[in-house]
Amino acid sequence: MGPMSFRTVLMIAGAATLLAACANPNADKAADARQTLVGMPKETLLSCAGVPQRTAQVGDSEFMTYASAEYSGGGPTTSFGVGGGSGGSGVGFGIGIPLFGGGGGGYSSSCEATFTVRNGVVQQLSYTGSAGASASLGQCYRIVENCVAQVPAGAIPPR
């Protein structure tokens, strides 16, 4: 294999690794819950999700909001690099260690799940959150996880 094709293979492998790192199965489950939890009785919602942080009544609709947040203060980091030029190529691997309390690399993820309930039944589920869309939906799954487990297996659409 020549230097050019070696670099191409490494770049493709790196891109595939990045894409795999972004995949979040809990985000997919949270997205599915928007449909599968519609029709759930309010009593079941309260038993599986608990008491909401906020509620509001508007006309015949009740809005029940649950929140979940996570923060990671960061820590050691790793990186992988590929370089080349002047007829040569190289591969490098690095480990970063935060010094003097500077914990770079931290992240936070939050989600609010709001259930719209009418006539004692969930009519809609919507999410709002921070960070990347996949990270927020993954955080949302923490709110609905116990409720999704209450739904019969045949009612959950296959992926």
N, C-alpha and C. Protein backbone atom coordinates (compact mmCIF):
# COMPACT_ATOMS: atom_id res chain seq x y z
N MET A 1 0.84 -1.18 0.00
CA MET A 1 0.00 0.00 0.00
C MET A 1 0.88 1.24 0.00
N GLY A 2 0.61 2.19 -0.87
CA GLY A 2 1.39 3.41 -0.94
C GLY A 2 0.99 4.36 0.16
N PRO A 3 1.80 5.43 0.39
CA PRO A 3 1.51 6.38 1.46
C PRO A 3 0.13 7.04 1.31
N MET A 4 -0.29 7.34 0.09
CA MET A 4 -1.57 8.00 -0.11
C MET A 4 -2.72 7.09 0.31
N SER A 5 -2.72 5.84 -0.09
CA SER A 5 -3.82 4.95 0.26
C SER A 5 -3.79 4.60 1.76
N PHE A 6 -2.61 4.57 2.37
CA PHE A 6 -2.52 4.34 3.81
C PHE A 6 -3.21 5.46 4.57
N ARG A 7 -2.95 6.70 4.16
CA ARG A 7 -3.61 7.85 4.80
C ARG A 7 -5.12 7.81 4.59
N THR A 8 -5.54 7.43 3.40
CA THR A 8 -6.97 7.35 3.11
C THR A 8 -7.64 6.33 4.02
N VAL A 9 -7.01 5.18 4.18
CA VAL A 9 -7.56 4.14 5.05
C VAL A 9 -7.66 4.64 6.49
N LEU A 10 -6.61 5.32 6.96
CA LEU A 10 -6.64 5.85 8.32
C LEU A 10 -7.72 6.91 8.50
N MET A 11 -7.90 7.76 7.51
CA MET A 11 -8.92 8.80 7.61
C MET A 11 -10.32 8.19 7.62
N ILE A 12 -10.54 7.19 6.80
CA ILE A 12 -11.84 6.51 6.79
C ILE A 12 -12.08 5.82 8.13
N ALA A 13 -11.07 5.16 8.65
CA ALA A 13 -11.21 4.49 9.95
C ALA A 13 -11.50 5.51 11.05
N GLY A 14 -10.84 6.66 10.99
CA GLY A 14 -11.08 7.71 11.98
C GLY A 14 -12.49 8.25 11.88
N ALA A 15 -12.98 8.46 10.67
CA ALA A 15 -14.35 8.97 10.48
C ALA A 15 -15.36 7.96 10.99
N ALA A 16 -15.13 6.69 10.71
CA ALA A 16 -16.06 5.65 11.19
C ALA A 16 -16.07 5.60 12.72
N THR A 17 -14.92 5.77 13.33
CA THR A 17 -14.84 5.77 14.80
C THR A 17 -15.62 6.95 15.38
N LEU A 18 -15.48 8.12 14.76
CA LEU A 18 -16.21 9.30 15.23
C LEU A 18 -17.72 9.10 15.10
N LEU A 19 -18.16 8.55 13.99
CA LEU A 19 -19.59 8.32 13.80
C LEU A 19 -20.12 7.32 14.82
N ALA A 20 -19.37 6.26 15.07
CA ALA A 20 -19.80 5.27 16.04
C ALA A 20 -19.88 5.87 17.43
N ALA A 21 -18.98 6.79 17.75
CA ALA A 21 -18.99 7.43 19.07
C ALA A 21 -20.21 8.31 19.25
N CYS A 22 -20.76 8.84 18.15
CA CYS A 22 -21.92 9.72 18.23
C CYS A 22 -23.22 8.95 18.38
N ALA A 23 -23.24 7.69 18.03
CA ALA A 23 -24.47 6.89 18.11
C ALA A 23 -24.90 6.77 19.57
N ASN A 24 -26.17 6.95 19.82
CA ASN A 24 -26.68 6.89 21.19
C ASN A 24 -28.00 6.13 21.17
N PRO A 25 -27.99 4.84 21.52
CA PRO A 25 -29.22 4.06 21.46
C PRO A 25 -30.31 4.62 22.38
N ASN A 26 -29.93 5.23 23.50
CA ASN A 26 -30.94 5.81 24.38
C ASN A 26 -31.64 6.99 23.73
N ALA A 27 -30.95 7.71 22.87
CA ALA A 27 -31.58 8.82 22.14
C ALA A 27 -32.66 8.27 21.22
N ASP A 28 -32.38 7.15 20.56
CA ASP A 28 -33.39 6.53 19.70
C ASP A 28 -34.61 6.08 20.50
N LYS A 29 -34.36 5.50 21.67
CA LYS A 29 -35.47 5.04 22.52
C LYS A 29 -36.31 6.21 23.02
N ALA A 30 -35.65 7.31 23.36
CA ALA A 30 -36.39 8.51 23.79
C ALA A 30 -37.23 9.06 22.65
N ALA A 31 -36.68 9.06 21.45
CA ALA A 31 -37.44 9.55 20.29
C ALA A 31 -38.66 8.66 20.05
N ASP A 32 -38.50 7.35 20.16
CA ASP A 32 -39.62 6.43 19.99
C ASP A 32 -40.69 6.63 21.06
N ALA A 33 -40.27 7.00 22.26
CA ALA A 33 -41.22 7.18 23.37
C ALA A 33 -42.25 8.26 23.08
N ARG A 34 -41.93 9.20 22.20
CA ARG A 34 -42.89 10.25 21.84
C ARG A 34 -44.17 9.65 21.26
N GLN A 35 -44.06 8.50 20.62
CA GLN A 35 -45.25 7.83 20.09
C GLN A 35 -45.76 6.75 21.05
N THR A 36 -44.84 5.95 21.60
CA THR A 36 -45.27 4.79 22.38
C THR A 36 -45.94 5.16 23.70
N LEU A 37 -45.65 6.34 24.25
CA LEU A 37 -46.26 6.71 25.53
C LEU A 37 -47.59 7.45 25.37
N VAL A 38 -47.93 7.82 24.13
CA VAL A 38 -49.24 8.43 23.89
C VAL A 38 -50.30 7.37 24.17
N GLY A 39 -51.30 7.76 24.95
CA GLY A 39 -52.36 6.83 25.34
C GLY A 39 -52.17 6.25 26.73
N MET A 40 -51.01 6.50 27.34
CA MET A 40 -50.75 5.99 28.69
C MET A 40 -51.64 6.74 29.69
N PRO A 41 -52.31 6.01 30.60
CA PRO A 41 -53.11 6.67 31.63
C PRO A 41 -52.24 7.51 32.56
N LYS A 42 -52.78 8.62 33.04
CA LYS A 42 -52.05 9.53 33.93
C LYS A 42 -51.55 8.80 35.17
N GLU A 43 -52.36 7.90 35.71
CA GLU A 43 -51.95 7.14 36.91
C GLU A 43 -50.70 6.32 36.64
N THR A 44 -50.63 5.70 35.46
CA THR A 44 -49.45 4.90 35.10
C THR A 44 -48.24 5.81 34.94
N LEU A 45 -48.44 6.96 34.30
CA LEU A 45 -47.36 7.94 34.14
C LEU A 45 -46.80 8.35 35.50
N LEU A 46 -47.67 8.66 36.43
CA LEU A 46 -47.22 9.06 37.77
C LEU A 46 -46.49 7.92 38.48
N SER A 47 -46.93 6.70 38.26
CA SER A 47 -46.28 5.58 38.95
C SER A 47 -44.92 5.25 38.34
N CYS A 48 -44.72 5.48 37.03
CA CYS A 48 -43.44 5.12 36.43
C CYS A 48 -42.46 6.30 36.35
N ALA A 49 -42.97 7.53 36.25
CA ALA A 49 -42.07 8.69 36.15
C ALA A 49 -41.98 9.47 37.45
N GLY A 50 -42.92 9.25 38.36
CA GLY A 50 -42.91 9.96 39.63
C GLY A 50 -43.66 11.27 39.55
N VAL A 51 -43.48 12.07 40.56
CA VAL A 51 -44.15 13.37 40.64
C VAL A 51 -43.38 14.37 39.78
N PRO A 52 -44.06 15.09 38.89
CA PRO A 52 -43.35 16.04 38.02
C PRO A 52 -42.80 17.23 38.80
N GLN A 53 -41.75 17.84 38.24
CA GLN A 53 -41.18 19.04 38.86
C GLN A 53 -42.12 20.24 38.72
N ARG A 54 -42.86 20.30 37.60
CA ARG A 54 -43.81 21.40 37.37
C ARG A 54 -45.07 20.85 36.73
N THR A 55 -46.18 21.49 37.03
CA THR A 55 -47.43 21.20 36.34
C THR A 55 -48.13 22.52 36.01
N ALA A 56 -48.94 22.48 34.98
CA ALA A 56 -49.75 23.64 34.61
C ALA A 56 -51.05 23.14 34.01
N GLN A 57 -52.11 23.83 34.29
CA GLN A 57 -53.42 23.49 33.75
C GLN A 57 -53.85 24.61 32.81
N VAL A 58 -54.16 24.27 31.57
CA VAL A 58 -54.66 25.24 30.60
C VAL A 58 -55.88 24.61 29.94
N GLY A 59 -57.05 25.16 30.23
CA GLY A 59 -58.27 24.58 29.69
C GLY A 59 -58.42 23.14 30.16
N ASP A 60 -58.64 22.24 29.22
CA ASP A 60 -58.80 20.83 29.59
C ASP A 60 -57.48 20.05 29.49
N SER A 61 -56.37 20.77 29.30
CA SER A 61 -55.06 20.12 29.18
C SER A 61 -54.21 20.36 30.43
N GLU A 62 -53.57 19.31 30.87
CA GLU A 62 -52.63 19.41 31.98
C GLU A 62 -51.24 19.14 31.41
N PHE A 63 -50.27 19.99 31.77
CA PHE A 63 -48.89 19.84 31.31
C PHE A 63 -48.04 19.43 32.50
N MET A 64 -47.41 18.27 32.39
CA MET A 64 -46.59 17.71 33.47
C MET A 64 -45.15 17.66 32.97
N THR A 65 -44.25 18.42 33.63
CA THR A 65 -42.87 18.53 33.18
C THR A 65 -41.91 17.87 34.16
N TYR A 66 -41.04 17.03 33.61
CA TYR A 66 -40.00 16.32 34.35
C TYR A 66 -38.65 16.80 33.83
N ALA A 67 -37.66 16.88 34.71
CA ALA A 67 -36.33 17.36 34.30
C ALA A 67 -35.25 16.37 34.73
N SER A 68 -34.20 16.30 33.91
CA SER A 68 -33.04 15.48 34.21
C SER A 68 -31.80 16.21 33.69
N ALA A 69 -30.74 16.24 34.49
CA ALA A 69 -29.51 16.92 34.07
C ALA A 69 -28.31 16.11 34.55
N GLU A 70 -27.23 16.24 33.80
CA GLU A 70 -25.99 15.55 34.13
C GLU A 70 -24.84 16.48 33.77
N TYR A 71 -23.83 16.50 34.62
CA TYR A 71 -22.63 17.28 34.33
C TYR A 71 -21.41 16.41 34.57
N SER A 72 -20.48 16.48 33.66
CA SER A 72 -19.20 15.79 33.81
C SER A 72 -18.12 16.87 33.84
N GLY A 73 -17.33 16.88 34.88
CA GLY A 73 -16.31 17.90 35.03
C GLY A 73 -15.08 17.69 34.19
N GLY A 74 -15.06 16.68 33.38
CA GLY A 74 -13.89 16.45 32.53
C GLY A 74 -12.85 15.64 33.25
N GLY A 75 -11.76 15.41 32.61
CA GLY A 75 -10.68 14.62 33.17
C GLY A 75 -9.67 14.35 32.08
N PRO A 76 -8.90 13.30 32.25
CA PRO A 76 -7.90 12.99 31.23
C PRO A 76 -8.57 12.78 29.87
N THR A 77 -7.90 13.20 28.83
CA THR A 77 -8.41 13.05 27.48
C THR A 77 -7.40 12.32 26.63
N THR A 78 -7.88 11.72 25.55
CA THR A 78 -6.99 11.06 24.61
C THR A 78 -7.28 11.61 23.22
N SER A 79 -6.27 11.52 22.37
CA SER A 79 -6.46 11.95 20.99
C SER A 79 -5.62 11.08 20.07
N PHE A 80 -6.02 11.06 18.82
CA PHE A 80 -5.34 10.26 17.81
C PHE A 80 -5.15 11.16 16.61
N GLY A 81 -3.97 11.18 16.04
CA GLY A 81 -3.72 12.06 14.90
C GLY A 81 -3.01 11.34 13.78
N VAL A 82 -3.23 11.84 12.57
CA VAL A 82 -2.58 11.31 11.38
C VAL A 82 -1.96 12.50 10.66
N GLY A 83 -0.73 12.35 10.23
CA GLY A 83 -0.09 13.45 9.53
C GLY A 83 0.78 12.94 8.40
N GLY A 84 1.13 13.83 7.54
CA GLY A 84 1.99 13.42 6.44
C GLY A 84 2.46 14.63 5.66
N GLY A 85 3.46 14.43 4.88
CA GLY A 85 3.98 15.51 4.04
C GLY A 85 5.38 15.18 3.61
N SER A 86 5.83 15.77 2.53
CA SER A 86 7.18 15.57 2.00
C SER A 86 7.50 14.09 1.82
N GLY A 87 6.51 13.33 1.37
CA GLY A 87 6.75 11.92 1.08
C GLY A 87 6.70 11.01 2.28
N GLY A 88 6.42 11.50 3.45
CA GLY A 88 6.34 10.64 4.63
C GLY A 88 4.96 10.72 5.26
N SER A 89 4.70 9.80 6.14
CA SER A 89 3.43 9.84 6.87
C SER A 89 3.69 9.38 8.30
N GLY A 90 2.80 9.73 9.18
CA GLY A 90 2.99 9.36 10.57
C GLY A 90 1.67 9.26 11.30
N VAL A 91 1.69 8.55 12.39
CA VAL A 91 0.51 8.37 13.22
C VAL A 91 0.92 8.70 14.64
N GLY A 92 0.06 9.39 15.36
CA GLY A 92 0.39 9.74 16.74
C GLY A 92 -0.78 9.49 17.68
N PHE A 93 -0.47 9.30 18.93
CA PHE A 93 -1.47 9.08 19.97
C PHE A 93 -1.07 9.93 21.16
N GLY A 94 -2.02 10.63 21.74
CA GLY A 94 -1.68 11.49 22.87
C GLY A 94 -2.65 11.33 24.02
N ILE A 95 -2.16 11.60 25.21
CA ILE A 95 -2.99 11.58 26.41
C ILE A 95 -2.85 12.94 27.07
N GLY A 96 -3.99 13.58 27.32
CA GLY A 96 -3.97 14.88 27.98
C GLY A 96 -4.37 14.73 29.44
N ILE A 97 -3.62 15.35 30.32
CA ILE A 97 -3.92 15.30 31.75
C ILE A 97 -4.10 16.74 32.23
N PRO A 98 -5.30 17.08 32.73
CA PRO A 98 -5.50 18.45 33.20
C PRO A 98 -4.62 18.73 34.41
N LEU A 99 -3.94 19.86 34.38
CA LEU A 99 -3.08 20.25 35.48
C LEU A 99 -3.69 21.44 36.21
N PHE A 100 -3.41 21.55 37.48
CA PHE A 100 -3.82 22.69 38.29
C PHE A 100 -5.32 22.91 38.29
N GLY A 101 -6.08 21.83 38.30
CA GLY A 101 -7.55 21.93 38.43
C GLY A 101 -8.28 22.38 37.20
N GLY A 102 -7.63 22.54 36.07
CA GLY A 102 -8.34 22.96 34.87
C GLY A 102 -8.98 21.78 34.19
N GLY A 103 -10.13 21.38 34.49
CA GLY A 103 -10.71 20.13 33.99
C GLY A 103 -11.33 20.24 32.63
N GLY A 104 -10.70 20.80 31.64
CA GLY A 104 -11.27 20.93 30.31
C GLY A 104 -11.88 19.62 29.83
N GLY A 105 -12.78 19.69 28.89
CA GLY A 105 -13.40 18.49 28.37
C GLY A 105 -14.69 18.15 29.08
N GLY A 106 -15.14 18.95 30.02
CA GLY A 106 -16.39 18.66 30.70
C GLY A 106 -17.58 18.94 29.80
N TYR A 107 -18.71 18.39 30.16
CA TYR A 107 -19.90 18.63 29.39
C TYR A 107 -21.10 18.60 30.31
N SER A 108 -22.18 19.15 29.86
CA SER A 108 -23.43 19.03 30.59
C SER A 108 -24.51 18.67 29.59
N SER A 109 -25.48 17.96 30.06
CA SER A 109 -26.59 17.54 29.23
C SER A 109 -27.84 17.63 30.08
N SER A 110 -28.88 18.24 29.53
CA SER A 110 -30.11 18.33 30.30
C SER A 110 -31.30 18.09 29.39
N CYS A 111 -32.39 17.73 30.00
CA CYS A 111 -33.62 17.49 29.26
C CYS A 111 -34.81 17.82 30.13
N GLU A 112 -35.81 18.39 29.52
CA GLU A 112 -37.13 18.53 30.14
C GLU A 112 -38.11 17.80 29.24
N ALA A 113 -38.86 16.90 29.83
CA ALA A 113 -39.90 16.16 29.12
C ALA A 113 -41.24 16.67 29.61
N THR A 114 -42.07 17.16 28.69
CA THR A 114 -43.38 17.67 29.06
C THR A 114 -44.45 16.78 28.44
N PHE A 115 -45.26 16.21 29.31
CA PHE A 115 -46.38 15.37 28.89
C PHE A 115 -47.63 16.22 28.88
N THR A 116 -48.38 16.18 27.79
CA THR A 116 -49.69 16.84 27.71
C THR A 116 -50.73 15.77 28.01
N VAL A 117 -51.53 16.00 29.04
CA VAL A 117 -52.54 15.01 29.47
C VAL A 117 -53.92 15.64 29.32
N ARG A 118 -54.82 14.92 28.63
CA ARG A 118 -56.23 15.32 28.51
C ARG A 118 -57.09 14.13 28.84
N ASN A 119 -58.16 14.36 29.58
CA ASN A 119 -59.09 13.30 29.96
C ASN A 119 -58.37 12.12 30.61
N GLY A 120 -57.30 12.42 31.39
CA GLY A 120 -56.58 11.39 32.13
C GLY A 120 -55.66 10.52 31.31
N VAL A 121 -55.35 10.94 30.07
CA VAL A 121 -54.52 10.13 29.17
C VAL A 121 -53.46 11.02 28.52
N VAL A 122 -52.24 10.48 28.37
CA VAL A 122 -51.16 11.22 27.70
C VAL A 122 -51.54 11.41 26.23
N GLN A 123 -51.53 12.67 25.78
CA GLN A 123 -51.83 13.00 24.39
C GLN A 123 -50.58 13.31 23.58
N GLN A 124 -49.54 13.82 24.28
CA GLN A 124 -48.32 14.23 23.58
C GLN A 124 -47.16 14.24 24.56
N LEU A 125 -45.96 14.02 24.04
CA LEU A 125 -44.72 14.11 24.80
C LEU A 125 -43.75 14.95 23.99
N SER A 126 -43.21 16.00 24.59
CA SER A 126 -42.22 16.83 23.89
C SER A 126 -41.02 17.03 24.79
N TYR A 127 -39.87 17.24 24.15
CA TYR A 127 -38.61 17.41 24.86
C TYR A 127 -37.99 18.77 24.55
N THR A 128 -37.30 19.33 25.53
CA THR A 128 -36.39 20.45 25.32
C THR A 128 -35.13 20.13 26.10
N GLY A 129 -33.97 20.62 25.62
CA GLY A 129 -32.74 20.31 26.33
C GLY A 129 -31.58 21.11 25.85
N SER A 130 -30.41 20.78 26.39
CA SER A 130 -29.17 21.47 26.05
C SER A 130 -28.22 20.49 25.38
N ALA A 131 -27.05 20.95 25.10
CA ALA A 131 -25.97 20.16 24.47
C ALA A 131 -26.40 19.72 23.07
N GLY A 132 -25.74 18.71 22.55
CA GLY A 132 -26.08 18.21 21.22
C GLY A 132 -27.41 17.48 21.26
N ALA A 133 -28.08 17.40 20.13
CA ALA A 133 -29.40 16.78 20.07
C ALA A 133 -29.38 15.35 20.57
N SER A 134 -28.39 14.57 20.16
CA SER A 134 -28.31 13.18 20.58
C SER A 134 -28.05 13.08 22.08
N ALA A 135 -27.18 13.95 22.60
CA ALA A 135 -26.88 13.93 24.04
C ALA A 135 -28.11 14.26 24.84
N SER A 136 -28.86 15.28 24.41
CA SER A 136 -30.06 15.66 25.15
C SER A 136 -31.10 14.57 25.12
N LEU A 137 -31.32 13.96 23.94
CA LEU A 137 -32.30 12.88 23.86
C LEU A 137 -31.86 11.69 24.73
N GLY A 138 -30.57 11.43 24.78
CA GLY A 138 -30.08 10.37 25.66
C GLY A 138 -30.40 10.69 27.11
N GLN A 139 -30.29 11.96 27.48
CA GLN A 139 -30.63 12.38 28.84
C GLN A 139 -32.15 12.27 29.05
N CYS A 140 -32.93 12.56 28.01
CA CYS A 140 -34.39 12.46 28.10
C CYS A 140 -34.82 11.02 28.40
N TYR A 141 -34.07 10.07 27.87
CA TYR A 141 -34.44 8.68 28.09
C TYR A 141 -34.43 8.33 29.58
N ARG A 142 -33.58 9.01 30.35
CA ARG A 142 -33.57 8.76 31.80
C ARG A 142 -34.92 9.09 32.43
N ILE A 143 -35.63 10.05 31.85
CA ILE A 143 -36.94 10.44 32.39
C ILE A 143 -37.99 9.39 32.03
N VAL A 144 -37.98 8.92 30.79
CA VAL A 144 -39.07 8.05 30.29
C VAL A 144 -38.75 6.56 30.37
N GLU A 145 -37.55 6.21 30.76
CA GLU A 145 -37.10 4.81 30.74
C GLU A 145 -38.06 3.87 31.47
N ASN A 146 -38.45 4.21 32.69
CA ASN A 146 -39.34 3.33 33.46
C ASN A 146 -40.71 3.23 32.81
N CYS A 147 -41.16 4.30 32.17
CA CYS A 147 -42.48 4.29 31.52
C CYS A 147 -42.45 3.45 30.25
N VAL A 148 -41.35 3.54 29.50
CA VAL A 148 -41.23 2.72 28.29
C VAL A 148 -41.29 1.25 28.66
N ALA A 149 -40.72 0.89 29.81
CA ALA A 149 -40.75 -0.50 30.26
C ALA A 149 -42.17 -0.97 30.56
N GLN A 150 -43.10 -0.06 30.79
CA GLN A 150 -44.50 -0.41 31.07
C GLN A 150 -45.30 -0.71 29.81
N VAL A 151 -44.78 -0.29 28.65
CA VAL A 151 -45.49 -0.47 27.38
C VAL A 151 -45.28 -1.89 26.89
N PRO A 152 -46.36 -2.58 26.50
CA PRO A 152 -46.21 -3.95 25.99
C PRO A 152 -45.26 -3.98 24.79
N ALA A 153 -44.45 -5.04 24.70
CA ALA A 153 -43.42 -5.16 23.65
C ALA A 153 -43.98 -4.99 22.25
N GLY A 154 -45.17 -5.48 21.96
CA GLY A 154 -45.76 -5.38 20.63
C GLY A 154 -46.13 -3.95 20.25
N ALA A 155 -46.22 -3.06 21.24
CA ALA A 155 -46.62 -1.67 20.96
C ALA A 155 -45.44 -0.79 20.59
N ILE A 156 -44.22 -1.28 20.78
CA ILE A 156 -43.04 -0.49 20.46
C ILE A 156 -42.64 -0.79 19.02
N PRO A 157 -42.55 0.24 18.16
CA PRO A 157 -42.21 0.00 16.75
C PRO A 157 -40.80 -0.58 16.62
N PRO A 158 -40.62 -1.58 15.72
CA PRO A 158 -39.28 -2.14 15.52
C PRO A 158 -38.39 -1.14 14.81
N ARG A 159 -37.10 -1.22 15.08
CA ARG A 159 -36.10 -0.34 14.43
C ARG A 159 -35.46 -1.06 13.30
